[in-house]
């Protein structure tokens, strides 16, 4: 594997910064009625992160000894799981609030 060059690093930082600005602009333009589907989509992406962390943590590193990468994959798995469970809990509460308002009318 070749070492990263300065121009490659600049490209990666530029793409990362553009993704941040684009994501912020897209999220702030979402109307309030679409926040629940948006949350569900974010939870699905976190689910993909869980699958990736599971695959990555199952790989043999350093001749079978878990190294830094394996611990990082385990940490990513824990955080993504917390994100998915919390996201679905918040989405469920939002849906219950909407259903409660419709039931009172």
PDB file of N, CA and C in Angstrom:
ATOM      1  N   UNK A   1       0.843  -1.175   0.000  1.00  0.00           N
ATOM      2  CA  UNK A   1       0.000   0.000   0.000  1.00  0.00           C
ATOM      3  C   UNK A   1       0.887   1.237   0.000  1.00  0.00           C
ATOM      4  N   UNK A   2       0.590   2.139  -0.914  1.00  0.00           N
ATOM      5  CA  UNK A   2       1.402   3.338  -1.047  1.00  0.00           C
ATOM      6  C   UNK A   2       0.995   4.377  -0.011  1.00  0.00           C
ATOM      7  N   UNK A   3       1.963   5.185   0.443  1.00  0.00           N
ATOM      8  CA  UNK A   3       1.610   6.243   1.395  1.00  0.00           C
ATOM      9  C   UNK A   3       0.775   7.330   0.715  1.00  0.00           C
ATOM     10  N   UNK A   4      -0.042   7.986   1.503  1.00  0.00           N
ATOM     11  CA  UNK A   4      -0.916   9.041   0.986  1.00  0.00           C
ATOM     12  C   UNK A   4      -0.086  10.264   0.627  1.00  0.00           C
ATOM     13  N   UNK A   5      -0.358  10.818  -0.541  1.00  0.00           N
ATOM     14  CA  UNK A   5       0.327  12.032  -0.955  1.00  0.00           C
ATOM     15  C   UNK A   5      -0.456  13.240  -0.462  1.00  0.00           C
ATOM     16  N   UNK A   6       0.174  14.389  -0.524  1.00  0.00           N
ATOM     17  CA  UNK A   6      -0.478  15.617  -0.069  1.00  0.00           C
ATOM     18  C   UNK A   6      -1.680  15.955  -0.939  1.00  0.00           C
ATOM     19  N   UNK A   7      -1.567  15.748  -2.244  1.00  0.00           N
ATOM     20  CA  UNK A   7      -2.697  16.058  -3.125  1.00  0.00           C
ATOM     21  C   UNK A   7      -3.876  15.124  -2.856  1.00  0.00           C
ATOM     22  N   UNK A   8      -3.599  13.856  -2.559  1.00  0.00           N
ATOM     23  CA  UNK A   8      -4.673  12.926  -2.214  1.00  0.00           C
ATOM     24  C   UNK A   8      -5.359  13.316  -0.919  1.00  0.00           C
ATOM     25  N   UNK A   9      -4.571  13.770   0.053  1.00  0.00           N
ATOM     26  CA  UNK A   9      -5.137  14.213   1.324  1.00  0.00           C
ATOM     27  C   UNK A   9      -5.999  15.457   1.136  1.00  0.00           C
ATOM     28  N   UNK A  10      -5.569  16.368   0.297  1.00  0.00           N
ATOM     29  CA  UNK A  10      -6.352  17.578   0.025  1.00  0.00           C
ATOM     30  C   UNK A  10      -7.672  17.220  -0.640  1.00  0.00           C
ATOM     31  N   UNK A  11      -7.651  16.273  -1.559  1.00  0.00           N
ATOM     32  CA  UNK A  11      -8.890  15.832  -2.213  1.00  0.00           C
ATOM     33  C   UNK A  11      -9.843  15.229  -1.188  1.00  0.00           C
ATOM     34  N   UNK A  12      -9.336  14.377  -0.302  1.00  0.00           N
ATOM     35  CA  UNK A  12     -10.186  13.759   0.713  1.00  0.00           C
ATOM     36  C   UNK A  12     -10.777  14.793   1.668  1.00  0.00           C
ATOM     37  N   UNK A  13      -9.988  15.761   2.086  1.00  0.00           N
ATOM     38  CA  UNK A  13     -10.491  16.811   2.979  1.00  0.00           C
ATOM     39  C   UNK A  13     -11.527  17.669   2.264  1.00  0.00           C
ATOM     40  N   UNK A  14     -11.314  17.957   0.979  1.00  0.00           N
ATOM     41  CA  UNK A  14     -12.278  18.741   0.209  1.00  0.00           C
ATOM     42  C   UNK A  14     -13.605  18.007   0.077  1.00  0.00           C
ATOM     43  N   UNK A  15     -13.567  16.727  -0.236  1.00  0.00           N
ATOM     44  CA  UNK A  15     -14.799  15.935  -0.349  1.00  0.00           C
ATOM     45  C   UNK A  15     -15.515  15.880   0.998  1.00  0.00           C
ATOM     46  N   UNK A  16     -14.760  15.714   2.074  1.00  0.00           N
ATOM     47  CA  UNK A  16     -15.354  15.675   3.407  1.00  0.00           C
ATOM     48  C   UNK A  16     -16.037  16.999   3.743  1.00  0.00           C
ATOM     49  N   UNK A  17     -15.379  18.123   3.460  1.00  0.00           N
ATOM     50  CA  UNK A  17     -15.968  19.433   3.745  1.00  0.00           C
ATOM     51  C   UNK A  17     -17.214  19.675   2.893  1.00  0.00           C
ATOM     52  N   UNK A  18     -17.166  19.302   1.619  1.00  0.00           N
ATOM     53  CA  UNK A  18     -18.346  19.463   0.765  1.00  0.00           C
ATOM     54  C   UNK A  18     -19.505  18.595   1.242  1.00  0.00           C
ATOM     55  N   UNK A  19     -19.207  17.395   1.714  1.00  0.00           N
ATOM     56  CA  UNK A  19     -20.262  16.518   2.239  1.00  0.00           C
ATOM     57  C   UNK A  19     -20.903  17.123   3.480  1.00  0.00           C
ATOM     58  N   UNK A  20     -20.110  17.761   4.323  1.00  0.00           N
ATOM     59  CA  UNK A  20     -20.661  18.412   5.516  1.00  0.00           C
ATOM     60  C   UNK A  20     -21.593  19.544   5.114  1.00  0.00           C
ATOM     61  N   UNK A  21     -21.154  20.416   4.225  1.00  0.00           N
ATOM     62  CA  UNK A  21     -21.988  21.551   3.819  1.00  0.00           C
ATOM     63  C   UNK A  21     -23.239  21.097   3.079  1.00  0.00           C
ATOM     64  N   UNK A  22     -23.107  20.128   2.193  1.00  0.00           N
ATOM     65  CA  UNK A  22     -24.262  19.627   1.458  1.00  0.00           C
ATOM     66  C   UNK A  22     -25.262  18.962   2.400  1.00  0.00           C
ATOM     67  N   UNK A  23     -24.772  18.154   3.323  1.00  0.00           N
ATOM     68  CA  UNK A  23     -25.655  17.510   4.296  1.00  0.00           C
ATOM     69  C   UNK A  23     -26.380  18.516   5.156  1.00  0.00           C
ATOM     70  N   UNK A  24     -25.680  19.548   5.600  1.00  0.00           N
ATOM     71  CA  UNK A  24     -26.318  20.581   6.420  1.00  0.00           C
ATOM     72  C   UNK A  24     -27.402  21.307   5.638  1.00  0.00           C
ATOM     73  N   UNK A  25     -27.112  21.663   4.401  1.00  0.00           N
ATOM     74  CA  UNK A  25     -28.104  22.362   3.581  1.00  0.00           C
ATOM     75  C   UNK A  25     -29.321  21.491   3.312  1.00  0.00           C
ATOM     76  N   UNK A  26     -29.109  20.224   3.033  1.00  0.00           N
ATOM     77  CA  UNK A  26     -30.238  19.333   2.755  1.00  0.00           C
ATOM     78  C   UNK A  26     -31.096  19.112   3.991  1.00  0.00           C
ATOM     79  N   UNK A  27     -30.483  18.919   5.133  1.00  0.00           N
ATOM     80  CA  UNK A  27     -31.236  18.646   6.354  1.00  0.00           C
ATOM     81  C   UNK A  27     -32.018  19.875   6.799  1.00  0.00           C
ATOM     82  N   UNK A  28     -31.450  21.061   6.661  1.00  0.00           N
ATOM     83  CA  UNK A  28     -32.170  22.259   7.101  1.00  0.00           C
ATOM     84  C   UNK A  28     -33.337  22.603   6.185  1.00  0.00           C
ATOM     85  N   UNK A  29     -33.348  22.084   4.977  1.00  0.00           N
ATOM     86  CA  UNK A  29     -34.436  22.376   4.037  1.00  0.00           C
ATOM     87  C   UNK A  29     -35.589  21.374   4.121  1.00  0.00           C
ATOM     88  N   UNK A  30     -35.470  20.354   4.966  1.00  0.00           N
ATOM     89  CA  UNK A  30     -36.517  19.336   5.078  1.00  0.00           C
ATOM     90  C   UNK A  30     -37.690  19.913   5.873  1.00  0.00           C
ATOM     91  N   UNK A  31     -38.916  19.831   5.337  1.00  0.00           N
ATOM     92  CA  UNK A  31     -40.072  20.318   6.098  1.00  0.00           C
ATOM     93  C   UNK A  31     -40.341  19.418   7.307  1.00  0.00           C
ATOM     94  N   UNK A  32     -40.970  19.972   8.345  1.00  0.00           N
ATOM     95  CA  UNK A  32     -41.197  19.192   9.574  1.00  0.00           C
ATOM     96  C   UNK A  32     -41.996  17.905   9.361  1.00  0.00           C
ATOM     97  N   UNK A  33     -42.860  17.862   8.360  1.00  0.00           N
ATOM     98  CA  UNK A  33     -43.655  16.648   8.141  1.00  0.00           C
ATOM     99  C   UNK A  33     -42.810  15.484   7.629  1.00  0.00           C
ATOM    100  N   UNK A  34     -41.634  15.770   7.120  1.00  0.00           N
ATOM    101  CA  UNK A  34     -40.782  14.706   6.589  1.00  0.00           C
ATOM    102  C   UNK A  34     -39.660  14.297   7.536  1.00  0.00           C
ATOM    103  N   UNK A  35     -39.652  14.825   8.754  1.00  0.00           N
ATOM    104  CA  UNK A  35     -38.569  14.481   9.674  1.00  0.00           C
ATOM    105  C   UNK A  35     -38.604  13.015  10.093  1.00  0.00           C
ATOM    106  N   UNK A  36     -39.798  12.432  10.247  1.00  0.00           N
ATOM    107  CA  UNK A  36     -39.877  11.026  10.654  1.00  0.00           C
ATOM    108  C   UNK A  36     -39.300  10.097   9.583  1.00  0.00           C
ATOM    109  N   UNK A  37     -39.671  10.244   8.303  1.00  0.00           N
ATOM    110  CA  UNK A  37     -39.020   9.396   7.289  1.00  0.00           C
ATOM    111  C   UNK A  37     -37.517   9.648   7.181  1.00  0.00           C
ATOM    112  N   UNK A  38     -37.105  10.883   7.415  1.00  0.00           N
ATOM    113  CA  UNK A  38     -35.675  11.190   7.378  1.00  0.00           C
ATOM    114  C   UNK A  38     -34.948  10.464   8.499  1.00  0.00           C
ATOM    115  N   UNK A  39     -35.550  10.418   9.682  1.00  0.00           N
ATOM    116  CA  UNK A  39     -34.952   9.685  10.803  1.00  0.00           C
ATOM    117  C   UNK A  39     -34.861   8.195  10.483  1.00  0.00           C
ATOM    118  N   UNK A  40     -35.889   7.651   9.846  1.00  0.00           N
ATOM    119  CA  UNK A  40     -35.862   6.232   9.492  1.00  0.00           C
ATOM    120  C   UNK A  40     -34.746   5.940   8.495  1.00  0.00           C
ATOM    121  N   UNK A  41     -34.536   6.850   7.561  1.00  0.00           N
ATOM    122  CA  UNK A  41     -33.433   6.679   6.610  1.00  0.00           C
ATOM    123  C   UNK A  41     -32.079   6.734   7.294  1.00  0.00           C
ATOM    124  N   UNK A  42     -31.937   7.634   8.259  1.00  0.00           N
ATOM    125  CA  UNK A  42     -30.682   7.709   9.009  1.00  0.00           C
ATOM    126  C   UNK A  42     -30.457   6.435   9.814  1.00  0.00           C
ATOM    127  N   UNK A  43     -31.533   5.869  10.353  1.00  0.00           N
ATOM    128  CA  UNK A  43     -31.404   4.609  11.092  1.00  0.00           C
ATOM    129  C   UNK A  43     -30.988   3.474  10.165  1.00  0.00           C
ATOM    130  N   UNK A  44     -31.484   3.476   8.940  1.00  0.00           N
ATOM    131  CA  UNK A  44     -31.096   2.440   7.983  1.00  0.00           C
ATOM    132  C   UNK A  44     -29.610   2.545   7.642  1.00  0.00           C
ATOM    133  N   UNK A  45     -29.115   3.758   7.508  1.00  0.00           N
ATOM    134  CA  UNK A  45     -27.690   3.946   7.231  1.00  0.00           C
ATOM    135  C   UNK A  45     -26.852   3.463   8.412  1.00  0.00           C
ATOM    136  N   UNK A  46     -27.328   3.716   9.631  1.00  0.00           N
ATOM    137  CA  UNK A  46     -26.613   3.207  10.801  1.00  0.00           C
ATOM    138  C   UNK A  46     -26.645   1.686  10.842  1.00  0.00           C
ATOM    139  N   UNK A  47     -27.720   1.093  10.352  1.00  0.00           N
ATOM    140  CA  UNK A  47     -27.780  -0.364  10.262  1.00  0.00           C
ATOM    141  C   UNK A  47     -26.728  -0.906   9.312  1.00  0.00           C
ATOM    142  N   UNK A  48     -26.483  -0.196   8.224  1.00  0.00           N
ATOM    143  CA  UNK A  48     -25.424  -0.593   7.295  1.00  0.00           C
ATOM    144  C   UNK A  48     -24.064  -0.472   7.978  1.00  0.00           C
ATOM    145  N   UNK A  49     -23.901   0.541   8.819  1.00  0.00           N
ATOM    146  CA  UNK A  49     -22.665   0.695   9.579  1.00  0.00           C
ATOM    147  C   UNK A  49     -22.454  -0.484  10.514  1.00  0.00           C
ATOM    148  N   UNK A  50     -23.543  -0.977  11.109  1.00  0.00           N
ATOM    149  CA  UNK A  50     -23.439  -2.146  11.987  1.00  0.00           C
ATOM    150  C   UNK A  50     -22.954  -3.359  11.198  1.00  0.00           C
ATOM    151  N   UNK A  51     -23.508  -3.563  10.022  1.00  0.00           N
ATOM    152  CA  UNK A  51     -23.093  -4.705   9.200  1.00  0.00           C
ATOM    153  C   UNK A  51     -21.613  -4.577   8.822  1.00  0.00           C
ATOM    154  N   UNK A  52     -21.192  -3.387   8.437  1.00  0.00           N
ATOM    155  CA  UNK A  52     -19.788  -3.173   8.094  1.00  0.00           C
ATOM    156  C   UNK A  52     -18.860  -3.405   9.274  1.00  0.00           C
ATOM    157  N   UNK A  53     -19.267  -2.943  10.453  1.00  0.00           N
ATOM    158  CA  UNK A  53     -18.439  -3.155  11.647  1.00  0.00           C
ATOM    159  C   UNK A  53     -18.363  -4.632  12.010  1.00  0.00           C
ATOM    160  N   UNK A  54     -19.476  -5.359  11.829  1.00  0.00           N
ATOM    161  CA  UNK A  54     -19.454  -6.801  12.099  1.00  0.00           C
ATOM    162  C   UNK A  54     -18.507  -7.531  11.153  1.00  0.00           C
ATOM    163  N   UNK A  55     -18.562  -7.179   9.888  1.00  0.00           N
ATOM    164  CA  UNK A  55     -17.678  -7.817   8.907  1.00  0.00           C
ATOM    165  C   UNK A  55     -16.221  -7.483   9.212  1.00  0.00           C
ATOM    166  N   UNK A  56     -15.964  -6.227   9.526  1.00  0.00           N
ATOM    167  CA  UNK A  56     -14.594  -5.789   9.773  1.00  0.00           C
ATOM    168  C   UNK A  56     -14.037  -6.384  11.062  1.00  0.00           C
ATOM    169  N   UNK A  57     -14.880  -6.535  12.085  1.00  0.00           N
ATOM    170  CA  UNK A  57     -14.387  -7.068  13.357  1.00  0.00           C
ATOM    171  C   UNK A  57     -14.135  -8.572  13.286  1.00  0.00           C
ATOM    172  N   UNK A  58     -14.664  -9.242  12.272  1.00  0.00           N
ATOM    173  CA  UNK A  58     -14.465 -10.679  12.115  1.00  0.00           C
ATOM    174  C   UNK A  58     -13.167 -11.008  11.369  1.00  0.00           C
ATOM    175  N   UNK A  59     -12.482 -10.024  10.866  1.00  0.00           N
ATOM    176  CA  UNK A  59     -11.254 -10.231  10.105  1.00  0.00           C
ATOM    177  C   UNK A  59     -10.092 -10.511  11.057  1.00  0.00           C
ATOM    178  N   UNK A  60      -9.188 -11.390  10.644  1.00  0.00           N
ATOM    179  CA  UNK A  60      -7.999 -11.670  11.449  1.00  0.00           C
ATOM    180  C   UNK A  60      -6.986 -10.546  11.269  1.00  0.00           C
ATOM    181  N   UNK A  61      -6.581  -9.964  12.366  1.00  0.00           N
ATOM    182  CA  UNK A  61      -5.581  -8.910  12.356  1.00  0.00           C
ATOM    183  C   UNK A  61      -4.352  -9.397  13.117  1.00  0.00           C
ATOM    184  N   UNK A  62      -3.194  -9.050  12.660  1.00  0.00           N
ATOM    185  CA  UNK A  62      -1.934  -9.349  13.346  1.00  0.00           C
ATOM    186  C   UNK A  62      -1.831 -10.827  13.728  1.00  0.00           C
ATOM    187  N   UNK A  63      -2.037 -11.701  12.766  1.00  0.00           N
ATOM    188  CA  UNK A  63      -1.948 -13.153  12.985  1.00  0.00           C
ATOM    189  C   UNK A  63      -2.913 -13.648  14.057  1.00  0.00           C
ATOM    190  N   UNK A  64      -4.129 -13.135  14.047  1.00  0.00           N
ATOM    191  CA  UNK A  64      -5.147 -13.597  14.986  1.00  0.00           C
ATOM    192  C   UNK A  64      -5.228 -12.809  16.276  1.00  0.00           C
ATOM    193  N   UNK A  65      -4.270 -11.946  16.548  1.00  0.00           N
ATOM    194  CA  UNK A  65      -4.321 -11.125  17.757  1.00  0.00           C
ATOM    195  C   UNK A  65      -5.099  -9.850  17.459  1.00  0.00           C
ATOM    196  N   UNK A  66      -6.108  -9.538  18.267  1.00  0.00           N
ATOM    197  CA  UNK A  66      -6.867  -8.316  17.986  1.00  0.00           C
ATOM    198  C   UNK A  66      -5.994  -7.089  18.222  1.00  0.00           C
ATOM    199  N   UNK A  67      -5.894  -6.276  17.218  1.00  0.00           N
ATOM    200  CA  UNK A  67      -5.113  -5.059  17.323  1.00  0.00           C
ATOM    201  C   UNK A  67      -6.013  -3.845  17.417  1.00  0.00           C
ATOM    202  N   UNK A  68      -5.440  -2.712  17.094  1.00  0.00           N
ATOM    203  CA  UNK A  68      -6.177  -1.453  17.180  1.00  0.00           C
ATOM    204  C   UNK A  68      -7.377  -1.440  16.241  1.00  0.00           C
ATOM    205  N   UNK A  69      -7.221  -1.984  15.045  1.00  0.00           N
ATOM    206  CA  UNK A  69      -8.318  -1.971  14.069  1.00  0.00           C
ATOM    207  C   UNK A  69      -9.497  -2.812  14.548  1.00  0.00           C
ATOM    208  N   UNK A  70      -9.223  -3.937  15.186  1.00  0.00           N
ATOM    209  CA  UNK A  70     -10.308  -4.779  15.693  1.00  0.00           C
ATOM    210  C   UNK A  70     -11.044  -4.083  16.829  1.00  0.00           C
ATOM    211  N   UNK A  71     -10.297  -3.424  17.705  1.00  0.00           N
ATOM    212  CA  UNK A  71     -10.957  -2.689  18.789  1.00  0.00           C
ATOM    213  C   UNK A  71     -11.742  -1.504  18.245  1.00  0.00           C
ATOM    214  N   UNK A  72     -11.229  -0.870  17.211  1.00  0.00           N
ATOM    215  CA  UNK A  72     -11.951   0.239  16.591  1.00  0.00           C
ATOM    216  C   UNK A  72     -13.240  -0.252  15.946  1.00  0.00           C
ATOM    217  N   UNK A  73     -13.206  -1.410  15.309  1.00  0.00           N
ATOM    218  CA  UNK A  73     -14.416  -1.988  14.723  1.00  0.00           C
ATOM    219  C   UNK A  73     -15.424  -2.343  15.808  1.00  0.00           C
ATOM    220  N   UNK A  74     -14.956  -2.872  16.925  1.00  0.00           N
ATOM    221  CA  UNK A  74     -15.845  -3.193  18.041  1.00  0.00           C
ATOM    222  C   UNK A  74     -16.492  -1.928  18.598  1.00  0.00           C
ATOM    223  N   UNK A  75     -15.714  -0.871  18.750  1.00  0.00           N
ATOM    224  CA  UNK A  75     -16.231   0.406  19.242  1.00  0.00           C
ATOM    225  C   UNK A  75     -17.252   0.985  18.266  1.00  0.00           C
ATOM    226  N   UNK A  76     -16.983   0.875  16.965  1.00  0.00           N
ATOM    227  CA  UNK A  76     -17.941   1.339  15.949  1.00  0.00           C
ATOM    228  C   UNK A  76     -19.229   0.539  16.020  1.00  0.00           C
ATOM    229  N   UNK A  77     -19.118  -0.743  16.271  1.00  0.00           N
ATOM    230  CA  UNK A  77     -20.297  -1.598  16.406  1.00  0.00           C
ATOM    231  C   UNK A  77     -21.151  -1.168  17.596  1.00  0.00           C
ATOM    232  N   UNK A  78     -20.528  -0.895  18.716  1.00  0.00           N
ATOM    233  CA  UNK A  78     -21.262  -0.462  19.912  1.00  0.00           C
ATOM    234  C   UNK A  78     -21.958   0.874  19.656  1.00  0.00           C
ATOM    235  N   UNK A  79     -21.236   1.847  19.109  1.00  0.00           N
ATOM    236  CA  UNK A  79     -21.826   3.170  18.880  1.00  0.00           C
ATOM    237  C   UNK A  79     -22.940   3.128  17.840  1.00  0.00           C
ATOM    238  N   UNK A  80     -22.767   2.359  16.780  1.00  0.00           N
ATOM    239  CA  UNK A  80     -23.813   2.261  15.758  1.00  0.00           C
ATOM    240  C   UNK A  80     -25.054   1.577  16.312  1.00  0.00           C
ATOM    241  N   UNK A  81     -24.871   0.587  17.173  1.00  0.00           N
ATOM    242  CA  UNK A  81     -26.021  -0.078  17.789  1.00  0.00           C
ATOM    243  C   UNK A  81     -26.786   0.881  18.686  1.00  0.00           C
ATOM    244  N   UNK A  82     -26.071   1.667  19.480  1.00  0.00           N
ATOM    245  CA  UNK A  82     -26.727   2.671  20.321  1.00  0.00           C
ATOM    246  C   UNK A  82     -27.475   3.675  19.455  1.00  0.00           C
ATOM    247  N   UNK A  83     -26.880   4.079  18.346  1.00  0.00           N
ATOM    248  CA  UNK A  83     -27.514   5.039  17.443  1.00  0.00           C
ATOM    249  C   UNK A  83     -28.787   4.475  16.833  1.00  0.00           C
ATOM    250  N   UNK A  84     -28.763   3.222  16.408  1.00  0.00           N
ATOM    251  CA  UNK A  84     -29.948   2.609  15.798  1.00  0.00           C
ATOM    252  C   UNK A  84     -31.069   2.463  16.823  1.00  0.00           C
ATOM    253  N   UNK A  85     -30.753   1.936  17.999  1.00  0.00           N
ATOM    254  CA  UNK A  85     -31.784   1.737  19.026  1.00  0.00           C
ATOM    255  C   UNK A  85     -32.374   3.076  19.458  1.00  0.00           C
ATOM    256  N   UNK A  86     -31.533   4.057  19.700  1.00  0.00           N
ATOM    257  CA  UNK A  86     -32.030   5.382  20.078  1.00  0.00           C
ATOM    258  C   UNK A  86     -32.820   6.042  18.968  1.00  0.00           C
ATOM    259  N   UNK A  87     -32.374   5.879  17.740  1.00  0.00           N
ATOM    260  CA  UNK A  87     -33.090   6.472  16.609  1.00  0.00           C
ATOM    261  C   UNK A  87     -34.466   5.878  16.420  1.00  0.00           C
ATOM    262  N   UNK A  88     -34.562   4.560  16.547  1.00  0.00           N
ATOM    263  CA  UNK A  88     -35.879   3.941  16.426  1.00  0.00           C
ATOM    264  C   UNK A  88     -36.779   4.312  17.594  1.00  0.00           C
ATOM    265  N   UNK A  89     -36.225   4.494  18.784  1.00  0.00           N
ATOM    266  CA  UNK A  89     -37.032   4.911  19.934  1.00  0.00           C
ATOM    267  C   UNK A  89     -37.588   6.317  19.711  1.00  0.00           C
ATOM    268  N   UNK A  90     -36.755   7.219  19.216  1.00  0.00           N
ATOM    269  CA  UNK A  90     -37.218   8.586  18.944  1.00  0.00           C
ATOM    270  C   UNK A  90     -38.248   8.589  17.821  1.00  0.00           C
ATOM    271  N   UNK A  91     -38.010   7.810  16.768  1.00  0.00           N
ATOM    272  CA  UNK A  91     -38.975   7.728  15.667  1.00  0.00           C
ATOM    273  C   UNK A  91     -40.308   7.181  16.155  1.00  0.00           C
ATOM    274  N   UNK A  92     -40.278   6.182  17.019  1.00  0.00           N
ATOM    275  CA  UNK A  92     -41.508   5.620  17.569  1.00  0.00           C
ATOM    276  C   UNK A  92     -42.264   6.656  18.396  1.00  0.00           C
ATOM    277  N   UNK A  93     -41.553   7.429  19.193  1.00  0.00           N
ATOM    278  CA  UNK A  93     -42.215   8.478  19.984  1.00  0.00           C
ATOM    279  C   UNK A  93     -42.824   9.545  19.083  1.00  0.00           C
ATOM    280  N   UNK A  94     -42.115   9.909  18.009  1.00  0.00           N
ATOM    281  CA  UNK A  94     -42.654  10.903  17.077  1.00  0.00           C
ATOM    282  C   UNK A  94     -43.916  10.378  16.406  1.00  0.00           C
ATOM    283  N   UNK A  95     -43.910   9.118  16.000  1.00  0.00           N
ATOM    284  CA  UNK A  95     -45.096   8.539  15.367  1.00  0.00           C
ATOM    285  C   UNK A  95     -46.257   8.445  16.348  1.00  0.00           C
ATOM    286  N   UNK A  96     -45.976   8.129  17.615  1.00  0.00           N
ATOM    287  CA  UNK A  96     -47.034   8.094  18.618  1.00  0.00           C
ATOM    288  C   UNK A  96     -47.620   9.478  18.869  1.00  0.00           C
ATOM    289  N   UNK A  97     -46.784  10.517  18.823  1.00  0.00           N
ATOM    290  CA  UNK A  97     -47.288  11.883  18.992  1.00  0.00           C
ATOM    291  C   UNK A  97     -48.201  12.257  17.835  1.00  0.00           C
ATOM    292  N   UNK A  98     -47.817  11.884  16.619  1.00  0.00           N
ATOM    293  CA  UNK A  98     -48.645  12.192  15.449  1.00  0.00           C
ATOM    294  C   UNK A  98     -49.952  11.416  15.521  1.00  0.00           C
ATOM    295  N   UNK A  99     -49.889  10.148  15.891  1.00  0.00           N
ATOM    296  CA  UNK A  99     -51.102   9.330  15.995  1.00  0.00           C
ATOM    297  C   UNK A  99     -52.000   9.845  17.107  1.00  0.00           C
ATOM    298  N   UNK A 100     -51.418  10.341  18.193  1.00  0.00           N
ATOM    299  CA  UNK A 100     -52.216  10.890  19.287  1.00  0.00           C
ATOM    300  C   UNK A 100     -52.957  12.148  18.885  1.00  0.00           C
ATOM    301  N   UNK A 101     -52.332  12.993  18.085  1.00  0.00           N
ATOM    302  CA  UNK A 101     -52.993  14.222  17.619  1.00  0.00           C
ATOM    303  C   UNK A 101     -54.150  13.897  16.686  1.00  0.00           C
ATOM    304  N   UNK A 102     -53.963  12.894  15.847  1.00  0.00           N
ATOM    305  CA  UNK A 102     -55.038  12.519  14.919  1.00  0.00           C
ATOM    306  C   UNK A 102     -56.198  11.862  15.660  1.00  0.00           C
ATOM    307  N   UNK A 103     -55.913  11.146  16.733  1.00  0.00           N
ATOM    308  CA  UNK A 103     -56.958  10.463  17.491  1.00  0.00           C
ATOM    309  C   UNK A 103     -57.821  11.428  18.285  1.00  0.00           C
ATOM    310  N   UNK A 104     -57.284  12.588  18.665  1.00  0.00           N
ATOM    311  CA  UNK A 104     -58.026  13.569  19.462  1.00  0.00           C
ATOM    312  C   UNK A 104     -58.985  14.399  18.633  1.00  0.00           C
ATOM    313  N   UNK A 105     -58.779  14.478  17.334  1.00  0.00           N
ATOM    314  CA  UNK A 105     -59.615  15.345  16.491  1.00  0.00           C
ATOM    315  C   UNK A 105     -60.965  14.801  16.262  1.00  0.00           C
TER     316      UNK A 105
END
